[in-house]
């Protein structure tokens, strides 16, 4: 599977979309749980969590080996865990509280630290998990290689907290860094960098509704532009990038 494989899946309805996400996520859970004895899953915020709702229902909830899951965040707002803006709280309320993933395998960002130190702390924890063999490491780039990133995209084509024309797009050394001037509130966040995203085994990019329709069109139809959207800058070194779209998001394709 050297290089990047791309696939686009378009679903007729929201129910079909969430069923497709659940089915493919459960399949990867089985694959990696058997291969590695662990399944490392990176979550994002926004409506992504709501689109995981079928995973917590039969048949999937009973089929998935939740004890093998390890949960991470591709980015987080620098707020307390119980803040409505917290990606952790969103995931906990909508998904994590409904499945038996061991608490010590859910790696939230330390909400007692400021942005810079929270990013450093998260990177240190990831390196410890690599040493323990929980998180794989890319043999090519030596960045952490997560099994699955479940991501969303903004109307401006941003993913994680990597926004158009921002200096963080060029970060090549850090695993986790921080941003204090996010164009989307709240302004202070921590985020994985492109080298970590690029090392992923699988990315599921979930886009639903009409808000991102122009970004979807540009991302999938136009790679000739000199002004690439952040999502177009993802270049998986050895993985699969699968788009999960509903009809509205795919309207201009």
Protein backbone atom coordinates (compact mmCIF):
# COMPACT_ATOMS: atom_id res chain seq x y z
CA UNK A 1 0.00 0.00 0.00
CA UNK A 2 2.92 2.32 -0.66
CA UNK A 3 1.80 5.85 -1.37
CA UNK A 4 -1.67 7.29 -1.01
CA UNK A 5 -4.90 5.67 -2.14
CA UNK A 6 -7.96 7.91 -2.43
CA UNK A 7 -11.59 6.89 -2.56
CA UNK A 8 -14.85 8.85 -2.54
CA UNK A 9 -18.04 7.34 -1.14
CA UNK A 10 -21.31 9.24 -1.69
CA UNK A 11 -24.39 8.25 0.30
CA UNK A 12 -28.02 8.99 -0.56
CA UNK A 13 -29.15 9.82 2.97
CA UNK A 14 -27.77 10.70 6.39
CA UNK A 15 -28.75 7.25 7.66
CA UNK A 16 -26.80 5.62 4.84
CA UNK A 17 -23.82 7.87 5.60
CA UNK A 18 -23.66 7.02 9.30
CA UNK A 19 -24.20 3.33 8.51
CA UNK A 20 -21.28 3.43 6.09
CA UNK A 21 -19.01 5.11 8.64
CA UNK A 22 -19.94 2.55 11.29
CA UNK A 23 -19.44 -0.42 8.95
CA UNK A 24 -16.02 0.67 7.74
CA UNK A 25 -14.83 1.74 11.19
CA UNK A 26 -15.89 -1.63 12.67
CA UNK A 27 -14.03 -3.43 9.88
CA UNK A 28 -10.82 -1.52 10.64
CA UNK A 29 -11.31 -2.13 14.35
CA UNK A 30 -11.36 -5.88 13.70
CA UNK A 31 -8.37 -5.68 11.38
CA UNK A 32 -6.07 -3.75 13.68
CA UNK A 33 -7.24 -5.44 16.89
CA UNK A 34 -6.23 -8.78 15.36
CA UNK A 35 -3.02 -7.52 13.77
CA UNK A 36 -1.69 -5.37 16.57
CA UNK A 37 -3.81 -5.99 19.66
CA UNK A 38 -4.69 -2.28 19.62
CA UNK A 39 -6.69 0.16 17.51
CA UNK A 40 -5.59 3.79 17.65
CA UNK A 41 -8.36 6.20 16.68
CA UNK A 42 -8.02 9.98 16.32
CA UNK A 43 -11.18 12.07 16.64
CA UNK A 44 -12.01 15.62 15.61
CA UNK A 45 -14.85 17.92 16.65
CA UNK A 46 -17.81 19.41 14.83
CA UNK A 47 -20.59 17.12 13.62
CA UNK A 48 -18.18 14.18 13.19
CA UNK A 49 -19.10 12.78 16.61
CA UNK A 50 -22.82 12.79 15.81
CA UNK A 51 -22.04 10.82 12.64
CA UNK A 52 -20.58 8.01 14.77
CA UNK A 53 -23.97 7.30 16.35
CA UNK A 54 -24.49 3.93 14.61
CA UNK A 55 -21.33 2.57 16.23
CA UNK A 56 -23.02 2.72 19.64
CA UNK A 57 -26.04 0.76 18.38
CA UNK A 58 -26.51 -2.92 17.47
CA UNK A 59 -25.00 -4.72 15.72
CA UNK A 60 -21.78 -2.72 15.90
CA UNK A 61 -21.71 -1.90 19.60
CA UNK A 62 -21.67 -5.61 20.45
CA UNK A 63 -19.26 -6.64 17.69
CA UNK A 64 -16.48 -4.11 18.27
CA UNK A 65 -13.71 -5.04 20.73
CA UNK A 66 -13.78 -1.73 22.58
CA UNK A 67 -11.06 -2.85 25.00
CA UNK A 68 -8.57 -2.55 22.13
CA UNK A 69 -9.45 1.06 21.30
CA UNK A 70 -7.15 3.96 22.16
CA UNK A 71 -8.65 7.42 21.59
CA UNK A 72 -6.79 10.63 20.67
CA UNK A 73 -7.72 14.09 19.38
CA UNK A 74 -6.38 15.66 16.20
CA UNK A 75 -6.93 19.06 17.79
CA UNK A 76 -8.43 20.59 20.88
CA UNK A 77 -9.56 23.97 22.08
CA UNK A 78 -7.55 25.14 25.10
CA UNK A 79 -10.50 25.15 27.48
CA UNK A 80 -11.54 23.04 30.47
CA UNK A 81 -12.79 19.53 29.68
CA UNK A 82 -16.32 20.42 30.83
CA UNK A 83 -16.48 23.53 28.64
CA UNK A 84 -19.11 23.37 25.85
CA UNK A 85 -16.31 24.27 23.39
CA UNK A 86 -14.25 21.20 24.36
CA UNK A 87 -13.82 18.53 21.69
CA UNK A 88 -13.28 16.05 24.51
CA UNK A 89 -16.64 16.91 26.06
CA UNK A 90 -18.37 16.66 22.69
CA UNK A 91 -16.89 13.20 22.13
CA UNK A 92 -17.61 12.07 25.67
CA UNK A 93 -21.27 13.08 25.59
CA UNK A 94 -21.98 11.84 22.08
CA UNK A 95 -19.82 8.72 21.83
CA UNK A 96 -17.33 7.75 24.54
CA UNK A 97 -19.86 7.57 27.39
CA UNK A 98 -21.82 4.99 25.38
CA UNK A 99 -19.06 2.44 24.76
CA UNK A 100 -16.79 0.55 27.19
CA UNK A 101 -13.39 1.91 26.14
CA UNK A 102 -11.10 1.75 29.19
CA UNK A 103 -10.74 5.20 30.74
CA UNK A 104 -6.94 5.01 30.73
CA UNK A 105 -7.02 4.47 26.95
CA UNK A 106 -8.71 7.83 26.32
CA UNK A 107 -5.96 10.41 25.97
CA UNK A 108 -7.47 13.83 26.52
CA UNK A 109 -5.36 16.95 26.43
CA UNK A 110 -4.24 18.28 29.80
CA UNK A 111 -6.67 21.13 30.47
CA UNK A 112 -4.62 22.52 33.37
CA UNK A 113 -1.86 23.75 31.04
CA UNK A 114 -1.59 26.70 28.69
CA UNK A 115 -1.49 26.08 24.93
CA UNK A 116 2.28 25.78 24.52
CA UNK A 117 2.73 23.44 27.47
CA UNK A 118 -0.39 21.42 26.61
CA UNK A 119 1.04 20.77 23.13
CA UNK A 120 4.40 19.75 24.60
CA UNK A 121 2.71 17.48 27.13
CA UNK A 122 0.57 15.77 24.50
CA UNK A 123 3.58 15.15 22.28
CA UNK A 124 5.50 13.69 25.23
CA UNK A 125 2.60 11.35 26.02
CA UNK A 126 2.44 10.22 22.38
CA UNK A 127 6.16 9.42 22.45
CA UNK A 128 5.66 7.33 25.58
CA UNK A 129 2.86 5.40 23.84
CA UNK A 130 5.12 4.82 20.84
CA UNK A 131 7.78 3.41 23.17
CA UNK A 132 5.17 1.10 24.72
CA UNK A 133 4.07 -0.11 21.27
CA UNK A 134 0.53 1.23 21.59
CA UNK A 135 1.03 3.77 18.80
CA UNK A 136 3.02 2.67 15.77
CA UNK A 137 5.83 4.75 14.33
CA UNK A 138 6.34 5.39 10.63
CA UNK A 139 9.51 3.60 9.50
CA UNK A 140 9.92 6.21 6.78
CA UNK A 141 9.45 9.48 8.65
CA UNK A 142 9.57 8.47 12.36
CA UNK A 143 6.29 10.27 13.03
CA UNK A 144 3.49 8.45 14.89
CA UNK A 145 1.30 6.32 12.65
CA UNK A 146 -2.30 6.18 13.81
CA UNK A 147 -4.57 3.43 12.54
CA UNK A 148 -7.56 5.68 11.80
CA UNK A 149 -8.22 9.40 11.83
CA UNK A 150 -11.91 10.32 11.77
CA UNK A 151 -11.87 13.90 10.55
CA UNK A 152 -14.12 16.70 9.38
CA UNK A 153 -13.42 19.68 7.15
CA UNK A 154 -14.41 23.31 7.43
CA UNK A 155 -15.94 25.40 4.65
CA UNK A 156 -12.48 26.92 4.09
CA UNK A 157 -10.93 23.48 3.62
CA UNK A 158 -9.22 23.40 7.02
CA UNK A 159 -8.74 20.18 8.95
CA UNK A 160 -7.53 19.77 12.52
CA UNK A 161 -6.59 23.37 13.43
CA UNK A 162 -4.59 23.85 10.25
CA UNK A 163 -6.12 26.86 8.53
CA UNK A 164 -5.51 28.38 5.08
CA UNK A 165 -2.37 30.51 4.73
CA UNK A 166 -1.35 29.97 8.36
CA UNK A 167 2.34 29.45 9.25
CA UNK A 168 1.48 26.14 10.97
CA UNK A 169 0.90 24.61 7.54
CA UNK A 170 4.70 24.56 7.16
CA UNK A 171 5.52 22.90 10.49
CA UNK A 172 7.62 19.82 9.69
CA UNK A 173 9.26 18.86 12.98
CA UNK A 174 6.75 18.96 15.82
CA UNK A 175 4.17 16.21 16.35
CA UNK A 176 1.83 18.53 18.23
CA UNK A 177 1.84 22.32 18.19
CA UNK A 178 -0.39 25.21 19.19
CA UNK A 179 -2.19 28.15 17.64
CA UNK A 180 -3.25 31.33 19.41
CA UNK A 181 -4.86 33.16 16.51
CA UNK A 182 -7.28 30.63 15.04
CA UNK A 183 -9.62 32.35 12.54
CA UNK A 184 -12.37 30.15 13.93
CA UNK A 185 -13.19 30.73 17.62
CA UNK A 186 -12.02 29.90 20.17
CA UNK A 187 -8.64 31.26 19.02
CA UNK A 188 -6.33 29.19 21.25
CA UNK A 189 -5.93 25.50 20.32
CA UNK A 190 -3.46 22.67 20.02
CA UNK A 191 -3.23 20.54 16.90
CA UNK A 192 -1.47 17.63 15.25
CA UNK A 193 0.83 18.72 12.42
CA UNK A 194 0.79 17.59 8.80
CA UNK A 195 3.61 15.04 9.20
CA UNK A 196 1.51 13.19 11.81
CA UNK A 197 -1.62 13.34 9.67
CA UNK A 198 0.39 12.19 6.63
CA UNK A 199 1.67 9.13 8.52
CA UNK A 200 -1.86 7.79 9.13
CA UNK A 201 -2.84 4.34 7.91
CA UNK A 202 -6.42 5.49 7.19
CA UNK A 203 -8.22 8.82 7.14
CA UNK A 204 -12.01 8.95 6.93
CA UNK A 205 -12.99 12.49 5.92
CA UNK A 206 -16.65 12.95 6.82
CA UNK A 207 -18.51 15.84 5.18
CA UNK A 208 -22.28 16.29 5.30
CA UNK A 209 -24.62 19.11 4.30
CA UNK A 210 -24.15 22.01 1.95
CA UNK A 211 -21.84 24.28 3.99
CA UNK A 212 -18.64 22.69 2.64
CA UNK A 213 -19.87 21.94 -0.88
CA UNK A 214 -17.45 24.37 -2.58
CA UNK A 215 -14.49 23.12 -0.54
CA UNK A 216 -15.39 19.52 -1.43
CA UNK A 217 -15.48 20.42 -5.13
CA UNK A 218 -12.11 22.18 -5.00
CA UNK A 219 -10.51 19.45 -2.90
CA UNK A 220 -11.61 16.64 -5.19
CA UNK A 221 -11.69 18.32 -8.60
CA UNK A 222 -8.88 20.87 -8.57
CA UNK A 223 -5.34 19.94 -7.58
CA UNK A 224 -3.74 22.24 -10.16
CA UNK A 225 -4.19 25.43 -8.15
CA UNK A 226 -1.20 27.08 -6.51
CA UNK A 227 -3.50 28.05 -3.65
CA UNK A 228 -4.26 24.66 -2.14
CA UNK A 229 -6.77 24.16 0.63
CA UNK A 230 -5.23 22.63 3.76
CA UNK A 231 -7.13 19.38 3.10
CA UNK A 232 -5.46 19.20 -0.33
CA UNK A 233 -2.06 19.38 1.35
CA UNK A 234 -2.51 15.99 3.03
CA UNK A 235 -0.19 13.50 1.33
CA UNK A 236 -0.41 10.11 2.99
CA UNK A 237 2.97 8.40 2.80
CA UNK A 238 1.45 4.92 2.93
CA UNK A 239 -2.27 4.96 3.61
CA UNK A 240 -5.84 5.33 2.41
CA UNK A 241 -7.78 8.59 2.37
CA UNK A 242 -11.51 7.89 2.09
CA UNK A 243 -14.12 10.62 1.71
CA UNK A 244 -17.56 9.92 3.22
CA UNK A 245 -19.98 12.41 1.66
CA UNK A 246 -23.74 12.82 1.66
CA UNK A 247 -25.54 14.02 -1.48
CA UNK A 248 -25.54 17.66 -0.42
CA UNK A 249 -21.79 17.75 0.19
CA UNK A 250 -21.21 16.07 -3.17
CA UNK A 251 -23.67 18.25 -5.11
CA UNK A 252 -21.01 20.02 -7.22
CA UNK A 253 -18.89 16.99 -8.05
